C-alpha atoms as a PDB file:
ATOM      1  CA  MET A   1      99.203  69.490 205.642  1.00  0.00           C
ATOM      2  CA  THR A   2     100.732  66.118 204.784  1.00  0.00           C
ATOM      3  CA  ILE A   3     101.341  63.512 207.442  1.00  0.00           C
ATOM      4  CA  ILE A   4     104.139  61.660 205.683  1.00  0.00           C
ATOM      5  CA  ARG A   5     106.662  63.186 203.342  1.00  0.00           C
ATOM      6  CA  VAL A   6     110.034  62.199 201.925  1.00  0.00           C
ATOM      7  CA  PRO A   7     112.754  64.575 203.190  1.00  0.00           C
ATOM      8  CA  LYS A   8     114.986  66.325 200.702  1.00  0.00           C
ATOM      9  CA  SER A   9     118.673  65.413 200.587  1.00  0.00           C
ATOM     10  CA  TRP A  10     119.627  68.673 202.304  1.00  0.00           C
ATOM     11  CA  GLU A  11     117.046  68.389 205.131  1.00  0.00           C
ATOM     12  CA  LEU A  12     117.874  67.222 208.645  1.00  0.00           C
ATOM     13  CA  PRO A  13     115.586  65.441 211.129  1.00  0.00           C
ATOM     14  CA  GLU A  14     113.772  67.863 213.408  1.00  0.00           C
ATOM     15  CA  GLN A  15     114.485  65.719 216.471  1.00  0.00           C
ATOM     16  CA  GLN A  16     118.201  66.403 216.168  1.00  0.00           C
ATOM     17  CA  VAL A  17     118.950  69.475 218.261  1.00  0.00           C
ATOM     18  CA  THR A  18     122.722  69.826 218.270  1.00  0.00           C
ATOM     19  CA  SER A  19     124.181  72.961 216.705  1.00  0.00           C
ATOM     20  CA  GLU A  20     125.226  71.114 213.559  1.00  0.00           C
ATOM     21  CA  THR A  21     121.663  70.108 212.755  1.00  0.00           C
ATOM     22  CA  ALA A  22     119.963  73.484 212.844  1.00  0.00           C
ATOM     23  CA  TYR A  23     120.055  74.497 209.194  1.00  0.00           C
ATOM     24  CA  SER A  24     116.296  74.133 208.909  1.00  0.00           C
ATOM     25  CA  ASN A  25     116.042  76.679 211.721  1.00  0.00           C
ATOM     26  CA  ARG A  26     117.931  79.784 210.722  1.00  0.00           C
ATOM     27  CA  ARG A  27     117.636  81.660 213.994  1.00  0.00           C
ATOM     28  CA  ARG A  28     118.613  78.674 216.155  1.00  0.00           C
ATOM     29  CA  PHE A  29     121.476  77.866 213.819  1.00  0.00           C
ATOM     30  CA  LEU A  30     122.825  81.392 213.936  1.00  0.00           C
ATOM     31  CA  LYS A  31     122.548  81.465 217.718  1.00  0.00           C
ATOM     32  CA  ASN A  32     124.208  78.092 218.269  1.00  0.00           C
ATOM     33  CA  LEU A  33     126.941  78.636 215.725  1.00  0.00           C
ATOM     34  CA  VAL A  34     127.988  82.237 216.223  1.00  0.00           C
ATOM     35  CA  GLY A  35     125.713  83.866 218.774  1.00  0.00           C
ATOM     36  CA  ALA A  36     123.791  85.803 216.161  1.00  0.00           C
ATOM     37  CA  SER A  37     120.253  85.548 217.430  1.00  0.00           C
ATOM     38  CA  LEU A  38     118.451  88.844 217.902  1.00  0.00           C
ATOM     39  CA  GLY A  39     119.624  89.341 221.462  1.00  0.00           C
ATOM     40  CA  THR A  40     123.223  88.348 220.881  1.00  0.00           C
ATOM     41  CA  GLY A  41     123.161  90.159 217.569  1.00  0.00           C
ATOM     42  CA  MET A  42     122.526  93.389 219.437  1.00  0.00           C
ATOM     43  CA  LEU A  43     125.410  92.558 221.726  1.00  0.00           C
ATOM     44  CA  SER A  44     127.590  92.017 218.683  1.00  0.00           C
ATOM     45  CA  ILE A  45     126.992  95.621 217.695  1.00  0.00           C
ATOM     46  CA  LEU A  46     128.084  96.705 221.153  1.00  0.00           C
ATOM     47  CA  GLY A  47     131.168  94.582 220.681  1.00  0.00           C
ATOM     48  CA  CYS A  48     131.854  96.347 217.414  1.00  0.00           C
ATOM     49  CA  GLN A  49     131.449  99.670 219.174  1.00  0.00           C
ATOM     50  CA  ALA A  50     134.221  98.643 221.527  1.00  0.00           C
ATOM     51  CA  SER A  51     136.522  97.361 218.788  1.00  0.00           C
ATOM     52  CA  SER A  52     140.162  98.332 218.584  1.00  0.00           C
ATOM     53  CA  SER A  53     141.347 101.391 216.724  1.00  0.00           C
ATOM     54  CA  ALA A  54     143.003  99.116 214.161  1.00  0.00           C
ATOM     55  CA  SER A  55     139.700  97.357 213.529  1.00  0.00           C
ATOM     56  CA  ASP A  56     137.900 100.693 213.352  1.00  0.00           C
ATOM     57  CA  LYS A  57     140.369 101.886 210.737  1.00  0.00           C
ATOM     58  CA  ALA A  58     139.961  98.701 208.722  1.00  0.00           C
ATOM     59  CA  LEU A  59     136.166  99.092 208.790  1.00  0.00           C
ATOM     60  CA  VAL A  60     136.372 102.696 207.600  1.00  0.00           C
ATOM     61  CA  GLU A  61     138.614 101.606 204.738  1.00  0.00           C
ATOM     62  CA  THR A  62     136.012  99.086 203.571  1.00  0.00           C
ATOM     63  CA  LEU A  63     133.336 101.786 203.619  1.00  0.00           C
ATOM     64  CA  ASN A  64     135.434 104.402 201.849  1.00  0.00           C
ATOM     65  CA  GLN A  65     134.532 103.347 198.325  1.00  0.00           C
ATOM     66  CA  PRO A  66     134.636 105.776 195.372  1.00  0.00           C
ATOM     67  CA  LYS A  67     131.973 108.464 195.528  1.00  0.00           C
ATOM     68  CA  LEU A  68     129.198 108.612 192.994  1.00  0.00           C
ATOM     69  CA  LYS A  69     129.101 112.118 191.501  1.00  0.00           C
ATOM     70  CA  SER A  70     126.158 114.223 190.331  1.00  0.00           C
ATOM     71  CA  LEU A  71     123.839 112.177 192.465  1.00  0.00           C
ATOM     72  CA  ALA A  72     120.199 113.237 192.870  1.00  0.00           C
ATOM     73  CA  THR A  73     117.832 111.979 195.555  1.00  0.00           C
ATOM     74  CA  ASN A  74     114.469 110.874 194.247  1.00  0.00           C
ATOM     75  CA  PRO A  75     112.039 113.324 195.922  1.00  0.00           C
ATOM     76  CA  ALA A  76     109.455 110.560 196.374  1.00  0.00           C
ATOM     77  CA  PHE A  77     111.963 108.667 198.538  1.00  0.00           C
ATOM     78  CA  ALA A  78     113.924 111.476 200.182  1.00  0.00           C
ATOM     79  CA  SER A  79     113.032 110.630 203.797  1.00  0.00           C
ATOM     80  CA  VAL A  80     111.051 108.295 206.029  1.00  0.00           C
ATOM     81  CA  ASP A  81     109.596 108.503 209.537  1.00  0.00           C
ATOM     82  CA  ARG A  82     112.920 107.794 211.269  1.00  0.00           C
ATOM     83  CA  PRO A  83     116.583 108.795 210.913  1.00  0.00           C
ATOM     84  CA  ILE A  84     119.118 107.198 208.620  1.00  0.00           C
ATOM     85  CA  THR A  85     121.191 104.559 210.396  1.00  0.00           C
ATOM     86  CA  ASP A  86     124.825 105.520 210.990  1.00  0.00           C
ATOM     87  CA  GLN A  87     127.106 104.362 208.198  1.00  0.00           C
ATOM     88  CA  ASP A  88     129.540 102.605 210.543  1.00  0.00           C
ATOM     89  CA  LEU A  89     126.761 100.640 212.235  1.00  0.00           C
ATOM     90  CA  ALA A  90     125.243  99.573 208.930  1.00  0.00           C
ATOM     91  CA  GLY A  91     128.691  98.641 207.649  1.00  0.00           C
ATOM     92  CA  GLN A  92     129.469  96.200 210.431  1.00  0.00           C
ATOM     93  CA  TYR A  93     126.055  94.621 211.109  1.00  0.00           C
ATOM     94  CA  ASN A  94     125.230  92.564 208.055  1.00  0.00           C
ATOM     95  CA  ASN A  95     123.599  89.322 207.035  1.00  0.00           C
ATOM     96  CA  PHE A  96     125.647  87.893 204.168  1.00  0.00           C
ATOM     97  CA  TYR A  97     125.332  84.159 204.581  1.00  0.00           C
ATOM     98  CA  GLU A  98     127.857  83.361 201.878  1.00  0.00           C
ATOM     99  CA  PHE A  99     130.548  84.706 204.232  1.00  0.00           C
ATOM    100  CA  GLY A 100     129.308  83.290 207.521  1.00  0.00           C
ATOM    101  CA  GLY A 101     126.441  83.095 209.956  1.00  0.00           C
ATOM    102  CA  SER A 102     127.375  86.008 212.212  1.00  0.00           C
ATOM    103  CA  LYS A 103     126.519  89.666 211.755  1.00  0.00           C
ATOM    104  CA  SER A 104     130.188  90.693 211.817  1.00  0.00           C
ATOM    105  CA  ILE A 105     131.090  89.362 208.377  1.00  0.00           C
ATOM    106  CA  TRP A 106     132.435  92.658 207.052  1.00  0.00           C
ATOM    107  CA  GLN A 107     136.045  91.449 207.203  1.00  0.00           C
ATOM    108  CA  ALA A 108     135.383  88.083 205.550  1.00  0.00           C
ATOM    109  CA  ALA A 109     133.360  89.786 202.823  1.00  0.00           C
ATOM    110  CA  GLN A 110     136.452  91.676 201.639  1.00  0.00           C
ATOM    111  CA  ASN A 111     137.508  88.441 199.915  1.00  0.00           C
ATOM    112  CA  LEU A 112     134.740  88.939 197.367  1.00  0.00           C
ATOM    113  CA  PRO A 113     136.360  89.468 193.926  1.00  0.00           C
ATOM    114  CA  THR A 114     134.550  92.314 192.133  1.00  0.00           C
ATOM    115  CA  LYS A 115     137.069  93.162 189.393  1.00  0.00           C
ATOM    116  CA  ASP A 116     135.785  92.419 185.875  1.00  0.00           C
ATOM    117  CA  TRP A 117     132.309  91.755 187.244  1.00  0.00           C
ATOM    118  CA  LYS A 118     129.650  90.657 184.787  1.00  0.00           C
ATOM    119  CA  LEU A 119     125.883  90.656 185.248  1.00  0.00           C
ATOM    120  CA  GLN A 120     124.124  88.334 182.816  1.00  0.00           C
ATOM    121  CA  VAL A 121     120.455  88.944 182.024  1.00  0.00           C
ATOM    122  CA  THR A 122     118.925  86.003 180.236  1.00  0.00           C
ATOM    123  CA  GLY A 123     115.933  83.705 179.934  1.00  0.00           C
ATOM    124  CA  LEU A 124     112.612  84.685 178.386  1.00  0.00           C
ATOM    125  CA  VAL A 125     113.719  88.073 177.054  1.00  0.00           C
ATOM    126  CA  LYS A 126     113.970  89.573 173.579  1.00  0.00           C
ATOM    127  CA  ASN A 127     117.271  91.338 174.267  1.00  0.00           C
ATOM    128  CA  PRO A 128     119.565  89.288 176.532  1.00  0.00           C
ATOM    129  CA  GLN A 129     122.381  91.394 177.914  1.00  0.00           C
ATOM    130  CA  THR A 130     125.658  91.153 179.790  1.00  0.00           C
ATOM    131  CA  TYR A 131     126.596  94.249 181.802  1.00  0.00           C
ATOM    132  CA  ASP A 132     129.987  95.132 183.274  1.00  0.00           C
ATOM    133  CA  LEU A 133     130.691  97.503 186.152  1.00  0.00           C
ATOM    134  CA  ASP A 134     130.814 100.568 183.915  1.00  0.00           C
ATOM    135  CA  ASP A 135     127.488  99.630 182.326  1.00  0.00           C
ATOM    136  CA  LEU A 136     125.816  99.415 185.733  1.00  0.00           C
ATOM    137  CA  GLN A 137     126.857 103.004 186.470  1.00  0.00           C
ATOM    138  CA  THR A 138     126.192 104.565 183.063  1.00  0.00           C
ATOM    139  CA  LYS A 139     123.390 102.747 181.235  1.00  0.00           C
ATOM    140  CA  PHE A 140     120.643 103.305 183.793  1.00  0.00           C
ATOM    141  CA  PRO A 141     119.187 106.381 185.596  1.00  0.00           C
ATOM    142  CA  ILE A 142     121.184 106.466 188.846  1.00  0.00           C
ATOM    143  CA  GLU A 143     119.539 108.042 191.885  1.00  0.00           C
ATOM    144  CA  GLU A 144     119.464 107.889 195.681  1.00  0.00           C
ATOM    145  CA  ARG A 145     116.505 106.462 197.577  1.00  0.00           C
ATOM    146  CA  ILE A 146     116.112 106.392 201.350  1.00  0.00           C
ATOM    147  CA  TYR A 147     114.279 103.216 202.321  1.00  0.00           C
ATOM    148  CA  ARG A 148     113.310 101.435 205.491  1.00  0.00           C
ATOM    149  CA  PHE A 149     114.998  98.042 205.788  1.00  0.00           C
ATOM    150  CA  ARG A 150     113.304  95.291 207.816  1.00  0.00           C
ATOM    151  CA  CYS A 151     114.972  91.975 208.631  1.00  0.00           C
ATOM    152  CA  VAL A 152     112.924  88.836 209.268  1.00  0.00           C
ATOM    153  CA  GLU A 153     114.832  88.653 212.581  1.00  0.00           C
ATOM    154  CA  ALA A 154     112.778  91.662 213.805  1.00  0.00           C
ATOM    155  CA  TRP A 155     115.421  94.390 213.566  1.00  0.00           C
ATOM    156  CA  SER A 156     115.392  97.312 211.169  1.00  0.00           C
ATOM    157  CA  MET A 157     117.446 100.190 209.758  1.00  0.00           C
ATOM    158  CA  VAL A 158     117.019 103.110 207.365  1.00  0.00           C
ATOM    159  CA  LEU A 159     119.495 103.092 204.492  1.00  0.00           C
ATOM    160  CA  PRO A 160     120.282 105.567 201.672  1.00  0.00           C
ATOM    161  CA  TRP A 161     120.623 103.278 198.674  1.00  0.00           C
ATOM    162  CA  ILE A 162     122.002 104.414 195.321  1.00  0.00           C
ATOM    163  CA  GLY A 163     121.069 102.653 192.116  1.00  0.00           C
ATOM    164  CA  PHE A 164     118.316 102.347 189.544  1.00  0.00           C
ATOM    165  CA  PRO A 165     114.760 101.009 189.411  1.00  0.00           C
ATOM    166  CA  MET A 166     114.433  97.402 188.334  1.00  0.00           C
ATOM    167  CA  LYS A 167     111.870  98.409 185.749  1.00  0.00           C
ATOM    168  CA  ALA A 168     114.692 100.141 183.821  1.00  0.00           C
ATOM    169  CA  LEU A 169     116.361  96.770 183.308  1.00  0.00           C
ATOM    170  CA  ILE A 170     113.020  95.233 182.336  1.00  0.00           C
ATOM    171  CA  LYS A 171     112.643  97.906 179.659  1.00  0.00           C
ATOM    172  CA  ALA A 172     116.151  97.214 178.333  1.00  0.00           C
ATOM    173  CA  VAL A 173     115.765  93.445 177.951  1.00  0.00           C
ATOM    174  CA  GLU A 174     112.053  93.244 177.051  1.00  0.00           C
ATOM    175  CA  PRO A 175     110.717  90.072 178.693  1.00  0.00           C
ATOM    176  CA  THR A 176     108.409  87.943 176.581  1.00  0.00           C
ATOM    177  CA  SER A 177     104.786  87.328 177.527  1.00  0.00           C
ATOM    178  CA  GLU A 178     105.774  83.880 178.829  1.00  0.00           C
ATOM    179  CA  ALA A 179     107.989  85.391 181.575  1.00  0.00           C
ATOM    180  CA  LYS A 180     106.170  85.264 184.921  1.00  0.00           C
ATOM    181  CA  PHE A 181     109.048  85.095 187.423  1.00  0.00           C
ATOM    182  CA  VAL A 182     112.584  86.437 187.762  1.00  0.00           C
ATOM    183  CA  ARG A 183     115.413  84.580 189.493  1.00  0.00           C
ATOM    184  CA  PHE A 184     118.397  86.481 190.925  1.00  0.00           C
ATOM    185  CA  THR A 185     121.562  84.440 191.473  1.00  0.00           C
ATOM    186  CA  SER A 186     124.399  85.584 193.742  1.00  0.00           C
ATOM    187  CA  TYR A 187     128.110  85.053 193.220  1.00  0.00           C
ATOM    188  CA  TYR A 188     129.299  81.706 194.501  1.00  0.00           C
ATOM    189  CA  ASP A 189     132.714  80.080 194.714  1.00  0.00           C
ATOM    190  CA  ARG A 190     132.971  77.618 197.589  1.00  0.00           C
ATOM    191  CA  LYS A 191     136.640  78.548 198.069  1.00  0.00           C
ATOM    192  CA  ILE A 192     135.665  82.199 198.669  1.00  0.00           C
ATOM    193  CA  THR A 193     132.024  82.304 199.735  1.00  0.00           C
ATOM    194  CA  ILE A 194     132.540  79.749 202.465  1.00  0.00           C
ATOM    195  CA  GLY A 195     129.126  80.084 204.064  1.00  0.00           C
ATOM    196  CA  PRO A 196     128.636  79.329 207.753  1.00  0.00           C
ATOM    197  CA  GLY A 197     131.316  76.650 207.709  1.00  0.00           C
ATOM    198  CA  ILE A 198     129.568  73.391 208.571  1.00  0.00           C
ATOM    199  CA  HIS A 199     127.587  71.120 206.260  1.00  0.00           C
ATOM    200  CA  LEU A 200     128.408  73.610 203.510  1.00  0.00           C
ATOM    201  CA  GLY A 201     127.850  71.140 200.711  1.00  0.00           C
ATOM    202  CA  SER A 202     124.339  70.267 201.898  1.00  0.00           C
ATOM    203  CA  LEU A 203     123.035  73.827 201.544  1.00  0.00           C
ATOM    204  CA  PRO A 204     121.332  74.905 198.288  1.00  0.00           C
ATOM    205  CA  TRP A 205     124.102  77.135 196.915  1.00  0.00           C
ATOM    206  CA  PRO A 206     124.335  79.436 195.099  1.00  0.00           C
ATOM    207  CA  TYR A 207     122.087  81.890 196.944  1.00  0.00           C
ATOM    208  CA  THR A 208     119.049  82.638 194.819  1.00  0.00           C
ATOM    209  CA  GLU A 209     115.978  84.800 195.232  1.00  0.00           C
ATOM    210  CA  SER A 210     112.973  85.465 193.046  1.00  0.00           C
ATOM    211  CA  LEU A 211     110.168  87.918 192.350  1.00  0.00           C
ATOM    212  CA  ARG A 212     107.124  87.799 190.170  1.00  0.00           C
ATOM    213  CA  VAL A 213     107.645  89.972 187.087  1.00  0.00           C
ATOM    214  CA  GLU A 214     104.982  92.427 188.261  1.00  0.00           C
ATOM    215  CA  GLU A 215     106.797  92.779 191.611  1.00  0.00           C
ATOM    216  CA  MET A 216     110.054  93.508 189.817  1.00  0.00           C
ATOM    217  CA  ALA A 217     108.252  96.103 187.693  1.00  0.00           C
ATOM    218  CA  ASN A 218     106.902  97.900 190.770  1.00  0.00           C
ATOM    219  CA  GLU A 219     108.161 101.432 191.382  1.00  0.00           C
ATOM    220  CA  LEU A 220     109.813 100.423 194.682  1.00  0.00           C
ATOM    221  CA  ALA A 221     111.897  97.531 193.321  1.00  0.00           C
ATOM    222  CA  PHE A 222     115.489  98.728 193.072  1.00  0.00           C
ATOM    223  CA  PHE A 223     118.973  97.575 192.147  1.00  0.00           C
ATOM    224  CA  ALA A 224     121.538  99.141 194.492  1.00  0.00           C
ATOM    225  CA  ILE A 225     125.078  99.813 193.303  1.00  0.00           C
ATOM    226  CA  GLY A 226     125.897 102.246 196.103  1.00  0.00           C
ATOM    227  CA  ILE A 227     125.050 103.451 199.593  1.00  0.00           C
ATOM    228  CA  TYR A 228     125.854 106.574 201.668  1.00  0.00           C
ATOM    229  CA  GLY A 229     127.025 108.381 198.524  1.00  0.00           C
ATOM    230  CA  HIS A 230     129.636 105.726 197.672  1.00  0.00           C
ATOM    231  CA  LEU A 231     129.765 102.579 195.584  1.00  0.00           C
ATOM    232  CA  LEU A 232     128.592  99.540 197.538  1.00  0.00           C
ATOM    233  CA  PRO A 233     131.096  98.117 200.028  1.00  0.00           C
ATOM    234  CA  LYS A 234     131.491  94.377 199.728  1.00  0.00           C
ATOM    235  CA  GLN A 235     129.683  93.638 202.993  1.00  0.00           C
ATOM    236  CA  HIS A 236     126.576  95.320 201.540  1.00  0.00           C
ATOM    237  CA  GLY A 237     126.587  93.080 198.470  1.00  0.00           C
ATOM    238  CA  ALA A 238     128.872  94.811 195.962  1.00  0.00           C
ATOM    239  CA  PRO A 239     128.726  95.522 193.148  1.00  0.00           C
ATOM    240  CA  ILE A 240     124.944  95.105 192.714  1.00  0.00           C
ATOM    241  CA  ARG A 241     122.185  93.825 194.970  1.00  0.00           C
ATOM    242  CA  MET A 242     118.407  93.676 195.169  1.00  0.00           C
ATOM    243  CA  VAL A 243     116.484  96.145 197.335  1.00  0.00           C
ATOM    244  CA  VAL A 244     112.784  95.340 197.803  1.00  0.00           C
ATOM    245  CA  PRO A 245     111.878  97.317 200.930  1.00  0.00           C
ATOM    246  CA  TRP A 246     108.366  95.955 201.411  1.00  0.00           C
ATOM    247  CA  LYS A 247     109.794  92.459 201.870  1.00  0.00           C
ATOM    248  CA  TYR A 248     112.028  90.981 204.574  1.00  0.00           C
ATOM    249  CA  GLY A 249     115.717  91.525 203.992  1.00  0.00           C
ATOM    250  CA  PHE A 250     116.579  87.944 203.039  1.00  0.00           C
ATOM    251  CA  LYS A 251     114.716  88.559 199.765  1.00  0.00           C
ATOM    252  CA  GLY A 252     117.445  91.021 198.759  1.00  0.00           C
ATOM    253  CA  ALA A 253     120.067  88.871 197.041  1.00  0.00           C
ATOM    254  CA  LYS A 254     123.575  90.372 197.150  1.00  0.00           C
ATOM    255  CA  SER A 255     126.454  90.346 194.642  1.00  0.00           C
ATOM    256  CA  ILE A 256     124.206  89.327 191.758  1.00  0.00           C
ATOM    257  CA  VAL A 257     125.771  87.641 188.731  1.00  0.00           C
ATOM    258  CA  LYS A 258     122.649  86.517 186.864  1.00  0.00           C
ATOM    259  CA  VAL A 259     119.064  87.670 186.357  1.00  0.00           C
ATOM    260  CA  GLU A 260     116.824  85.119 184.623  1.00  0.00           C
ATOM    261  CA  PHE A 261     113.264  85.616 183.382  1.00  0.00           C
ATOM    262  CA  LEU A 262     111.329  82.354 183.773  1.00  0.00           C
ATOM    263  CA  ALA A 263     107.912  80.889 183.082  1.00  0.00           C
ATOM    264  CA  ASN A 264     107.637  79.030 186.404  1.00  0.00           C
ATOM    265  CA  GLN A 265     108.333  79.891 190.028  1.00  0.00           C
ATOM    266  CA  PRO A 266     111.920  78.877 190.865  1.00  0.00           C
ATOM    267  CA  ALA A 267     113.296  77.580 194.135  1.00  0.00           C
ATOM    268  CA  THR A 268     114.881  80.165 196.432  1.00  0.00           C
ATOM    269  CA  TYR A 269     117.509  79.754 199.127  1.00  0.00           C
ATOM    270  CA  TRP A 270     115.732  80.182 202.476  1.00  0.00           C
ATOM    271  CA  ASN A 271     112.394  78.979 201.181  1.00  0.00           C
ATOM    272  CA  THR A 272     114.134  75.769 200.072  1.00  0.00           C
ATOM    273  CA  ILE A 273     115.790  75.278 203.452  1.00  0.00           C
ATOM    274  CA  ASN A 274     112.626  75.869 205.464  1.00  0.00           C
ATOM    275  CA  SER A 275     109.462  76.951 203.666  1.00  0.00           C
ATOM    276  CA  TYR A 276     107.509  76.848 206.925  1.00  0.00           C
ATOM    277  CA  GLU A 277     109.487  79.773 208.322  1.00  0.00           C
ATOM    278  CA  TYR A 278     110.587  81.580 205.132  1.00  0.00           C
ATOM    279  CA  ASP A 279     107.848  81.781 202.560  1.00  0.00           C
ATOM    280  CA  PHE A 280     108.418  82.713 198.941  1.00  0.00           C
ATOM    281  CA  GLU A 281     106.535  86.005 199.164  1.00  0.00           C
ATOM    282  CA  ALA A 282     108.103  87.226 202.443  1.00  0.00           C
ATOM    283  CA  ASN A 283     106.189  90.499 202.651  1.00  0.00           C
ATOM    284  CA  VAL A 284     106.624  92.425 205.906  1.00  0.00           C
ATOM    285  CA  ASN A 285     103.466  91.781 207.898  1.00  0.00           C
ATOM    286  CA  PRO A 286     103.018  92.560 211.612  1.00  0.00           C
ATOM    287  CA  ASN A 287      99.935  90.318 211.697  1.00  0.00           C
ATOM    288  CA  LYS A 288     101.735  87.229 210.429  1.00  0.00           C
ATOM    289  CA  PRO A 289     104.097  86.028 213.163  1.00  0.00           C
ATOM    290  CA  HIS A 290     107.198  84.021 212.493  1.00  0.00           C
ATOM    291  CA  PRO A 291     106.635  80.517 213.888  1.00  0.00           C
ATOM    292  CA  ARG A 292     108.886  81.315 216.856  1.00  0.00           C
ATOM    293  CA  TRP A 293     108.540  85.052 217.449  1.00  0.00           C
ATOM    294  CA  SER A 294     106.172  87.929 216.836  1.00  0.00           C
ATOM    295  CA  GLN A 295     106.631  90.307 213.910  1.00  0.00           C
ATOM    296  CA  ALA A 296     104.390  92.947 215.512  1.00  0.00           C
ATOM    297  CA  THR A 297     107.394  95.019 216.664  1.00  0.00           C
ATOM    298  CA  GLU A 298     110.999  95.545 215.612  1.00  0.00           C
ATOM    299  CA  LYS A 299     114.265  96.859 217.061  1.00  0.00           C
ATOM    300  CA  PHE A 300     115.285  99.908 215.043  1.00  0.00           C
ATOM    301  CA  ILE A 301     119.069 100.349 214.846  1.00  0.00           C
ATOM    302  CA  SER A 302     119.928 104.016 214.543  1.00  0.00           C
ATOM    303  CA  SER A 303     122.990 105.790 215.892  1.00  0.00           C
ATOM    304  CA  GLY A 304     124.945 107.026 218.861  1.00  0.00           C
ATOM    305  CA  PRO A 305     128.246 106.234 220.633  1.00  0.00           C
ATOM    306  CA  ASN A 306     126.549 103.682 222.885  1.00  0.00           C
ATOM    307  CA  LEU A 307     124.218 102.283 220.214  1.00  0.00           C
ATOM    308  CA  SER A 308     120.669 103.504 219.856  1.00  0.00           C
ATOM    309  CA  TRP A 309     117.976 100.973 219.074  1.00  0.00           C
ATOM    310  CA  ASP A 310     114.307 101.529 219.700  1.00  0.00           C
ATOM    311  CA  LYS A 311     111.368  99.180 219.822  1.00  0.00           C
ATOM    312  CA  ARG A 312     108.884 100.242 217.155  1.00  0.00           C
ATOM    313  CA  PRO A 313     105.669  98.820 215.729  1.00  0.00           C
ATOM    314  CA  THR A 314     106.126  96.943 212.483  1.00  0.00           C
ATOM    315  CA  LEU A 315     104.319  98.514 209.525  1.00  0.00           C
ATOM    316  CA  LEU A 316     102.415  96.417 207.005  1.00  0.00           C
ATOM    317  CA  TYR A 317     104.550  96.116 203.859  1.00  0.00           C
ATOM    318  CA  ASN A 318     107.155  98.015 205.902  1.00  0.00           C
ATOM    319  CA  GLY A 319     105.084 101.160 205.398  1.00  0.00           C
ATOM    320  CA  TYR A 320     104.948 100.923 201.590  1.00  0.00           C
ATOM    321  CA  GLY A 321     101.371  99.692 201.179  1.00  0.00           C
ATOM    322  CA  GLU A 322     100.419 102.557 198.876  1.00  0.00           C
ATOM    323  CA  TYR A 323     102.981 101.269 196.363  1.00  0.00           C
ATOM    324  CA  VAL A 324     102.567  97.519 196.609  1.00  0.00           C
ATOM    325  CA  GLY A 325      99.253  96.736 198.293  1.00  0.00           C
ATOM    326  CA  GLN A 326      97.521  96.288 194.939  1.00  0.00           C
ATOM    327  CA  LEU A 327      99.932  93.468 194.089  1.00  0.00           C
ATOM    328  CA  TYR A 328      98.432  91.286 196.800  1.00  0.00           C
ATOM    329  CA  SER A 329      94.795  92.353 196.953  1.00  0.00           C
END
């Protein structure tokens, strides 16, 4: 551990503790800015439960995306050890930092422009591709998978994702032997994806995440284009997002516009902001506490008119060790 280091241009001194200097501390920043720490985040769900009928109607409209027909559930991922989270709860309790620091970003996220979307796949590949919305629905084997979802903030859900395994895209583009990492870049336009609002220019936009190629090729790694039988609503990261259920949720980049195969490990958003709290690997691990809270348990958000959330033990790799444990042995 170094004693002296030169701070990056986007870093802020740790001794500054006002709300505008908390970007290196995601949880404190969220709490100070919009009351979105774990405790107040749970209250925000209760607030959503008590929202007006007009707001309820607007939420339902955002969730009522076109249905995906002839959809089969992968039998290997047809259920887990807990119920699927209610669609309305999942649709109004989201981390999507490009649209703000609170959980209730579902309204702001409707500004995301998805018409004429293009996904570019490039880098160290033999067959670079550019896919449009129709390609994402027709060129890959679409299926439903029910996965646990675990946030680094110690809350969890169960979500019925619809999409295709990442290894199908790997097969289509044929990475070269030099490709060791994959970078996923999210849509960014500072006039639309306004972020949390303060010090916007000092944050490392656009949002990027990364996997090792062998992680991307794992059976669990998934691109979601839908959820709950419908195409993805914008607050869930339409039209395509990463789903890597053995890792904390911040690893799942939303609204992806570019996938790049690279020789070297790239920088990623939260790891760049604060590598001490958000490591590159970010595997769910109950035995590795966050610097400021335990990861041994989680609050599971489920269902019910008054909100049901239960304290549960956190599972190593979020319960998917049989699929991914060999990657880290």
